[in-house]
């Protein structure tokens, strides 16, 4: 029989399971010590495991896994896993949804349709919950700023790049801080920022600490911080002056970026509509990039004549003064 741990049952959700196991280790049987060592070395992985998976990974039986949990003062493995999951909820949720989905028979077409339906629902929710006052305030902040910094890490780095791409024609100085130099390079850029500048920070579960740290530092430096995130409960929302909450739930992954991208495009359109000389800027940009654009193929299948260097439209040059 395994010996009981003198450690009392968990008093609150704030207790760390790793400290609990470490305190109990001297009183555990050898097999339970081995299971405890596995958990300490693989906290997140253990939190994602069902009892049969945990037992197999630790080289023990399901009954032994249950006894291990009871030796730590829990009622059984489910209660032990609940304690282990605390703090990992947002990270583990997509794993659990994927596990449940795989246990339900479905065709690829079913999954395809369900994913598109959820993306469409997120976009509809973004449309119906749009806050006119926040939209106006956000556009004002961007157009009034001397410089607009955009930041996001992980998947949000791509969204940050698209926001920079969309704002660039209409704002004098837009800089994405999601650069190869990483957070330290972004911090160097933000060091020069001031109250005249705006930082648009993008963070969705799973929130990246670098985004939060840089947004917090920018705010302390006097920069106005705008957050694109999933809810008021986001850690980024507690840092930002202005929060635009976007529902981004996805069944089999951490986030659905469709609604976020739709809001980014809407924001860029609103800025384009309000910006001074936006038509001239858009026209000038289109003409400037024209030599790098390919014409679409004819729909009737006929071969289009190849464009030669002389047939490309060249930017017009002003005549030199003599």
Protein backbone atom coordinates (compact mmCIF):
# COMPACT_ATOMS: atom_id res chain seq x y z
CA UNK A 1 0.00 0.00 0.00
CA UNK A 2 1.12 3.54 -0.69
CA UNK A 3 1.75 5.84 2.25
CA UNK A 4 -0.40 8.93 2.66
CA UNK A 5 1.17 12.32 2.16
CA UNK A 6 1.00 14.60 5.17
CA UNK A 7 0.27 17.48 2.79
CA UNK A 8 -3.32 18.67 3.36
CA UNK A 9 -5.86 18.92 0.52
CA UNK A 10 -5.51 22.01 -1.68
CA UNK A 11 -6.95 25.07 0.03
CA UNK A 12 -7.23 27.32 -3.03
CA UNK A 13 -6.68 27.50 -6.76
CA UNK A 14 -3.51 29.48 -6.10
CA UNK A 15 -1.56 26.46 -4.87
CA UNK A 16 1.03 25.25 -7.32
CA UNK A 17 0.83 21.54 -8.03
CA UNK A 18 4.59 21.35 -8.52
CA UNK A 19 5.22 22.58 -4.96
CA UNK A 20 2.64 20.12 -3.68
CA UNK A 21 4.32 17.15 -5.36
CA UNK A 22 7.80 18.25 -4.30
CA UNK A 23 6.68 18.47 -0.67
CA UNK A 24 5.13 15.01 -0.81
CA UNK A 25 7.97 13.23 -2.62
CA UNK A 26 9.84 11.96 0.49
CA UNK A 27 6.72 10.14 1.72
CA UNK A 28 5.74 8.53 -1.60
CA UNK A 29 6.40 4.95 -2.69
CA UNK A 30 9.03 4.46 -5.41
CA UNK A 31 6.44 4.06 -8.18
CA UNK A 32 4.60 7.17 -7.00
CA UNK A 33 7.89 9.06 -6.81
CA UNK A 34 8.51 8.11 -10.43
CA UNK A 35 5.06 9.42 -11.37
CA UNK A 36 5.69 12.61 -9.40
CA UNK A 37 9.02 13.14 -11.14
CA UNK A 38 7.30 12.69 -14.51
CA UNK A 39 4.72 15.36 -13.65
CA UNK A 40 7.36 17.80 -12.38
CA UNK A 41 9.35 17.39 -15.59
CA UNK A 42 6.24 17.58 -17.84
CA UNK A 43 3.69 19.85 -16.13
CA UNK A 44 1.89 21.04 -19.25
CA UNK A 45 2.00 17.65 -20.97
CA UNK A 46 0.61 15.98 -17.86
CA UNK A 47 -2.23 18.51 -17.70
CA UNK A 48 -3.36 17.45 -21.19
CA UNK A 49 -3.39 13.70 -20.39
CA UNK A 50 -6.28 11.48 -19.49
CA UNK A 51 -5.62 8.92 -16.78
CA UNK A 52 -4.84 6.10 -19.22
CA UNK A 53 -2.38 8.30 -21.14
CA UNK A 54 -0.70 9.48 -17.94
CA UNK A 55 -0.39 5.94 -16.58
CA UNK A 56 1.14 4.69 -19.84
CA UNK A 57 3.59 7.59 -20.04
CA UNK A 58 4.71 7.02 -16.44
CA UNK A 59 4.94 3.24 -16.90
CA UNK A 60 2.21 2.41 -14.39
CA UNK A 61 -1.36 1.14 -14.27
CA UNK A 62 -4.54 3.21 -14.15
CA UNK A 63 -5.16 2.03 -10.58
CA UNK A 64 -1.67 3.18 -9.59
CA UNK A 65 -2.32 6.59 -11.16
CA UNK A 66 -5.45 6.94 -9.04
CA UNK A 67 -3.55 5.90 -5.91
CA UNK A 68 -0.85 8.46 -6.78
CA UNK A 69 -3.48 11.21 -6.87
CA UNK A 70 -4.93 10.06 -3.54
CA UNK A 71 -1.43 9.95 -2.04
CA UNK A 72 -1.20 13.67 -2.80
CA UNK A 73 -4.44 14.30 -0.92
CA UNK A 74 -6.84 14.41 -3.88
CA UNK A 75 -10.03 12.35 -4.16
CA UNK A 76 -8.77 10.75 -7.35
CA UNK A 77 -7.10 11.45 -10.68
CA UNK A 78 -9.88 13.78 -12.00
CA UNK A 79 -9.43 16.12 -9.01
CA UNK A 80 -5.64 15.95 -9.39
CA UNK A 81 -5.88 16.85 -13.08
CA UNK A 82 -8.28 19.71 -12.35
CA UNK A 83 -5.67 21.20 -10.01
CA UNK A 84 -2.95 20.62 -12.58
CA UNK A 85 -4.91 22.36 -15.33
CA UNK A 86 -5.35 25.60 -13.34
CA UNK A 87 -3.39 28.31 -15.06
CA UNK A 88 -3.27 26.35 -18.32
CA UNK A 89 -6.97 26.64 -19.18
CA UNK A 90 -6.66 28.87 -22.25
CA UNK A 91 -3.73 26.86 -23.55
CA UNK A 92 -5.27 23.45 -22.98
CA UNK A 93 -8.78 24.28 -24.24
CA UNK A 94 -7.96 23.81 -27.97
CA UNK A 95 -6.31 20.46 -27.19
CA UNK A 96 -9.43 19.29 -25.34
CA UNK A 97 -11.74 20.47 -28.12
CA UNK A 98 -9.64 18.64 -30.71
CA UNK A 99 -9.69 15.48 -28.58
CA UNK A 100 -13.48 15.63 -28.26
CA UNK A 101 -13.89 16.32 -31.98
CA UNK A 102 -11.81 13.30 -32.94
CA UNK A 103 -14.02 11.11 -30.75
CA UNK A 104 -17.10 12.23 -32.71
CA UNK A 105 -17.56 10.73 -36.21
CA UNK A 106 -17.42 13.43 -38.88
CA UNK A 107 -16.36 13.76 -42.50
CA UNK A 108 -13.81 16.27 -43.72
CA UNK A 109 -16.69 18.15 -45.37
CA UNK A 110 -18.50 18.34 -42.00
CA UNK A 111 -15.45 19.84 -40.30
CA UNK A 112 -14.89 22.21 -43.23
CA UNK A 113 -18.47 23.49 -43.05
CA UNK A 114 -18.44 23.82 -39.26
CA UNK A 115 -15.21 25.82 -39.35
CA UNK A 116 -16.57 28.22 -41.97
CA UNK A 117 -19.82 28.60 -40.04
CA UNK A 118 -17.96 29.50 -36.86
CA UNK A 119 -15.77 32.03 -38.70
CA UNK A 120 -18.90 33.62 -40.20
CA UNK A 121 -20.54 33.74 -36.75
CA UNK A 122 -17.50 35.50 -35.31
CA UNK A 123 -17.61 38.10 -38.07
CA UNK A 124 -21.36 38.66 -37.52
CA UNK A 125 -20.76 39.10 -33.80
CA UNK A 126 -17.98 41.61 -34.51
CA UNK A 127 -20.40 43.53 -36.73
CA UNK A 128 -23.33 43.54 -34.31
CA UNK A 129 -21.22 44.38 -31.26
CA UNK A 130 -19.22 47.17 -32.92
CA UNK A 131 -18.95 50.20 -30.64
CA UNK A 132 -19.26 53.39 -32.71
CA UNK A 133 -17.65 55.58 -30.06
CA UNK A 134 -14.65 53.26 -29.74
CA UNK A 135 -14.28 53.08 -33.50
CA UNK A 136 -14.21 56.89 -33.75
CA UNK A 137 -11.76 57.14 -30.85
CA UNK A 138 -9.47 54.54 -32.40
CA UNK A 139 -9.40 56.24 -35.79
CA UNK A 140 -8.77 59.61 -34.12
CA UNK A 141 -5.89 58.15 -32.10
CA UNK A 142 -4.24 56.71 -35.19
CA UNK A 143 -4.65 59.80 -37.38
CA UNK A 144 -3.56 62.19 -34.63
CA UNK A 145 -0.44 60.18 -33.75
CA UNK A 146 3.01 61.26 -34.82
CA UNK A 147 3.95 57.58 -35.15
CA UNK A 148 1.89 54.40 -35.02
CA UNK A 149 3.65 51.34 -33.63
CA UNK A 150 2.03 47.94 -34.14
CA UNK A 151 3.00 44.87 -32.13
CA UNK A 152 1.98 41.24 -31.86
CA UNK A 153 3.83 37.98 -31.37
CA UNK A 154 2.98 34.40 -32.20
CA UNK A 155 0.11 34.22 -34.69
CA UNK A 156 -0.65 37.88 -33.91
CA UNK A 157 2.63 38.88 -35.57
CA UNK A 158 1.00 38.17 -38.94
CA UNK A 159 -2.02 40.27 -37.97
CA UNK A 160 0.32 43.09 -36.90
CA UNK A 161 1.98 42.96 -40.31
CA UNK A 162 -1.37 43.17 -42.09
CA UNK A 163 -2.40 46.16 -39.97
CA UNK A 164 0.85 47.93 -40.80
CA UNK A 165 0.32 47.08 -44.49
CA UNK A 166 -3.19 48.54 -44.46
CA UNK A 167 -2.33 51.75 -42.59
CA UNK A 168 0.92 52.62 -44.36
CA UNK A 169 -0.57 54.55 -47.35
CA UNK A 170 -2.58 56.85 -45.09
CA UNK A 171 -0.34 57.42 -42.06
CA UNK A 172 2.95 59.26 -42.14
CA UNK A 173 4.87 56.78 -39.98
CA UNK A 174 3.66 53.24 -39.24
CA UNK A 175 6.12 50.72 -37.81
CA UNK A 176 5.54 47.04 -37.08
CA UNK A 177 7.53 45.91 -34.06
CA UNK A 178 6.94 42.22 -34.87
CA UNK A 179 10.39 42.08 -36.43
CA UNK A 180 13.17 39.47 -36.68
CA UNK A 181 15.11 41.37 -34.01
CA UNK A 182 12.58 40.18 -31.45
CA UNK A 183 11.36 41.89 -28.25
CA UNK A 184 14.67 43.59 -27.44
CA UNK A 185 14.68 45.27 -30.85
CA UNK A 186 11.05 46.31 -30.33
CA UNK A 187 11.99 47.77 -26.95
CA UNK A 188 14.73 49.85 -28.61
CA UNK A 189 12.14 51.28 -31.02
CA UNK A 190 9.68 52.03 -28.21
CA UNK A 191 12.40 53.77 -26.19
CA UNK A 192 12.10 56.70 -28.60
CA UNK A 193 8.29 56.83 -28.36
CA UNK A 194 6.41 59.59 -26.57
CA UNK A 195 2.93 60.84 -25.71
CA UNK A 196 2.51 61.86 -29.33
CA UNK A 197 2.69 58.23 -30.45
CA UNK A 198 0.29 55.28 -30.35
CA UNK A 199 0.99 51.59 -29.84
CA UNK A 200 -1.58 49.14 -31.25
CA UNK A 201 -0.98 45.84 -29.43
CA UNK A 202 -2.61 42.59 -30.64
CA UNK A 203 -2.91 39.62 -28.29
CA UNK A 204 -5.32 36.69 -28.20
CA UNK A 205 -5.22 33.46 -26.21
CA UNK A 206 -2.67 32.14 -25.86
CA UNK A 207 -1.37 35.57 -24.77
CA UNK A 208 2.34 36.11 -25.37
CA UNK A 209 4.22 37.62 -22.43
CA UNK A 210 6.49 39.71 -24.70
CA UNK A 211 3.48 41.60 -26.09
CA UNK A 212 2.18 42.33 -22.59
CA UNK A 213 5.60 43.41 -21.27
CA UNK A 214 6.23 45.79 -24.17
CA UNK A 215 2.71 47.27 -23.98
CA UNK A 216 3.14 47.83 -20.24
CA UNK A 217 6.52 49.46 -20.76
CA UNK A 218 5.14 51.68 -23.53
CA UNK A 219 2.31 52.88 -21.29
CA UNK A 220 4.73 53.67 -18.48
CA UNK A 221 6.74 55.63 -21.06
CA UNK A 222 3.69 57.80 -21.80
CA UNK A 223 2.63 56.13 -25.06
CA UNK A 224 -1.09 55.67 -25.65
CA UNK A 225 -1.84 51.94 -25.89
CA UNK A 226 -4.67 50.49 -27.99
CA UNK A 227 -5.50 46.78 -27.55
CA UNK A 228 -7.01 44.40 -30.07
CA UNK A 229 -7.82 41.39 -27.92
CA UNK A 230 -10.58 38.92 -27.13
CA UNK A 231 -12.28 40.38 -24.03
CA UNK A 232 -12.05 42.70 -21.06
CA UNK A 233 -10.58 39.78 -19.09
CA UNK A 234 -7.50 39.72 -21.33
CA UNK A 235 -4.28 40.71 -19.51
CA UNK A 236 -3.68 43.18 -22.35
CA UNK A 237 -6.99 44.92 -21.61
CA UNK A 238 -5.73 45.87 -18.15
CA UNK A 239 -2.77 47.70 -19.72
CA UNK A 240 -4.44 49.52 -22.62
CA UNK A 241 -6.11 52.94 -22.66
CA UNK A 242 -8.55 51.78 -25.35
CA UNK A 243 -9.71 48.17 -25.85
CA UNK A 244 -11.36 46.72 -28.94
CA UNK A 245 -12.69 43.28 -27.95
CA UNK A 246 -13.10 40.78 -30.81
CA UNK A 247 -14.69 37.36 -30.34
CA UNK A 248 -12.26 34.85 -31.86
CA UNK A 249 -13.44 31.41 -30.72
CA UNK A 250 -12.40 28.44 -32.82
CA UNK A 251 -13.31 24.80 -32.32
CA UNK A 252 -10.04 23.05 -33.06
CA UNK A 253 -7.41 25.73 -32.49
CA UNK A 254 -6.61 28.54 -30.10
CA UNK A 255 -8.20 31.35 -32.14
CA UNK A 256 -10.15 32.21 -35.24
CA UNK A 257 -8.27 35.04 -36.94
CA UNK A 258 -11.07 35.70 -39.45
CA UNK A 259 -12.97 38.18 -37.30
CA UNK A 260 -9.75 39.87 -36.16
CA UNK A 261 -8.69 40.36 -39.78
CA UNK A 262 -12.15 41.68 -40.64
CA UNK A 263 -11.88 44.29 -37.87
CA UNK A 264 -8.36 45.22 -39.01
CA UNK A 265 -9.63 45.72 -42.56
CA UNK A 266 -12.56 47.78 -41.26
CA UNK A 267 -10.17 49.92 -39.24
CA UNK A 268 -7.92 50.51 -42.26
CA UNK A 269 -10.95 51.43 -44.38
CA UNK A 270 -12.13 53.92 -41.74
CA UNK A 271 -8.67 55.48 -41.58
CA UNK A 272 -8.53 55.69 -45.39
CA UNK A 273 -11.93 57.40 -45.45
CA UNK A 274 -10.92 59.99 -42.85
CA UNK A 275 -7.28 60.61 -43.77
CA UNK A 276 -6.35 63.78 -45.60
CA UNK A 277 -5.30 63.30 -49.23
CA UNK A 278 -6.14 59.59 -48.98
CA UNK A 279 -7.25 59.42 -52.64
CA UNK A 280 -3.98 60.94 -53.80
CA UNK A 281 -2.05 58.53 -51.57
CA UNK A 282 -3.93 55.47 -52.85
CA UNK A 283 -3.57 56.58 -56.47
CA UNK A 284 0.11 57.31 -56.09
CA UNK A 285 0.77 53.96 -54.43
CA UNK A 286 -1.13 52.07 -57.12
CA UNK A 287 0.87 53.78 -59.86
CA UNK A 288 4.15 53.20 -58.06
CA UNK A 289 3.67 49.43 -57.69
CA UNK A 290 2.13 48.94 -61.15
CA UNK A 291 5.37 47.62 -62.76
CA UNK A 292 5.31 44.70 -60.31
CA UNK A 293 1.68 43.70 -60.91
CA UNK A 294 0.58 41.00 -63.36
CA UNK A 295 -2.59 41.26 -65.42
CA UNK A 296 -5.23 38.49 -64.96
CA UNK A 297 -5.43 35.81 -67.63
CA UNK A 298 -8.28 36.16 -70.19
CA UNK A 299 -11.36 34.14 -69.22
CA UNK A 300 -11.78 32.71 -72.72
CA UNK A 301 -8.45 30.93 -72.54
CA UNK A 302 -6.81 33.02 -75.26
CA UNK A 303 -3.16 33.71 -74.76
CA UNK A 304 -2.47 37.24 -73.69
CA UNK A 305 0.42 39.00 -75.33
CA UNK A 306 3.42 38.98 -73.01
CA UNK A 307 4.20 42.29 -71.41
CA UNK A 308 7.52 43.64 -72.46
CA UNK A 309 9.63 46.09 -70.57
CA UNK A 310 8.56 48.82 -72.99
CA UNK A 311 4.88 47.97 -72.57
CA UNK A 312 4.98 48.41 -68.79
CA UNK A 313 3.75 51.72 -67.61
CA UNK A 314 6.66 53.69 -66.27
CA UNK A 315 6.31 56.25 -63.50
CA UNK A 316 6.13 59.72 -65.00
CA UNK A 317 9.08 61.92 -64.29
CA UNK A 318 9.01 65.64 -63.92
CA UNK A 319 11.04 67.48 -66.61
CA UNK A 320 14.39 68.65 -65.38
CA UNK A 321 14.98 72.33 -65.05
CA UNK A 322 17.70 73.66 -67.34
